[in-house]
């Protein structure tokens, strides 16, 4: 993964790399 640990703290989802950061699919 190319994301900081702070990223997983609030979004520990298995679909890392899709629509993360700007407007991620809150499912």
Protein backbone atom coordinates (compact mmCIF):
# COMPACT_ATOMS: atom_id res chain seq x y z
CA UNK A 1 0.00 0.00 0.00
CA UNK A 2 1.12 3.56 -0.65
CA UNK A 3 -0.83 5.17 2.16
CA UNK A 4 0.30 6.54 5.54
CA UNK A 5 -0.72 4.82 8.77
CA UNK A 6 -3.00 7.74 9.54
CA UNK A 7 -4.96 6.67 6.48
CA UNK A 8 -5.80 3.25 7.87
CA UNK A 9 -6.81 4.78 11.20
CA UNK A 10 -10.03 6.18 9.75
CA UNK A 11 -10.43 4.00 6.65
CA UNK A 12 -9.28 0.42 7.27
CA UNK A 13 -11.23 -0.91 4.27
CA UNK A 14 -10.07 -3.66 1.90
CA UNK A 15 -10.70 -1.53 -1.21
CA UNK A 16 -7.68 0.72 -0.72
CA UNK A 17 -6.81 2.41 -3.97
CA UNK A 18 -10.28 3.02 -5.46
CA UNK A 19 -12.06 6.21 -4.44
CA UNK A 20 -10.10 7.05 -1.32
CA UNK A 21 -9.22 10.53 -0.15
CA UNK A 22 -11.59 12.81 -2.02
CA UNK A 23 -14.99 11.14 -2.01
CA UNK A 24 -14.72 7.51 -0.92
CA UNK A 25 -17.79 5.21 -1.19
CA UNK A 26 -19.08 5.08 2.38
CA UNK A 27 -20.63 1.63 2.23
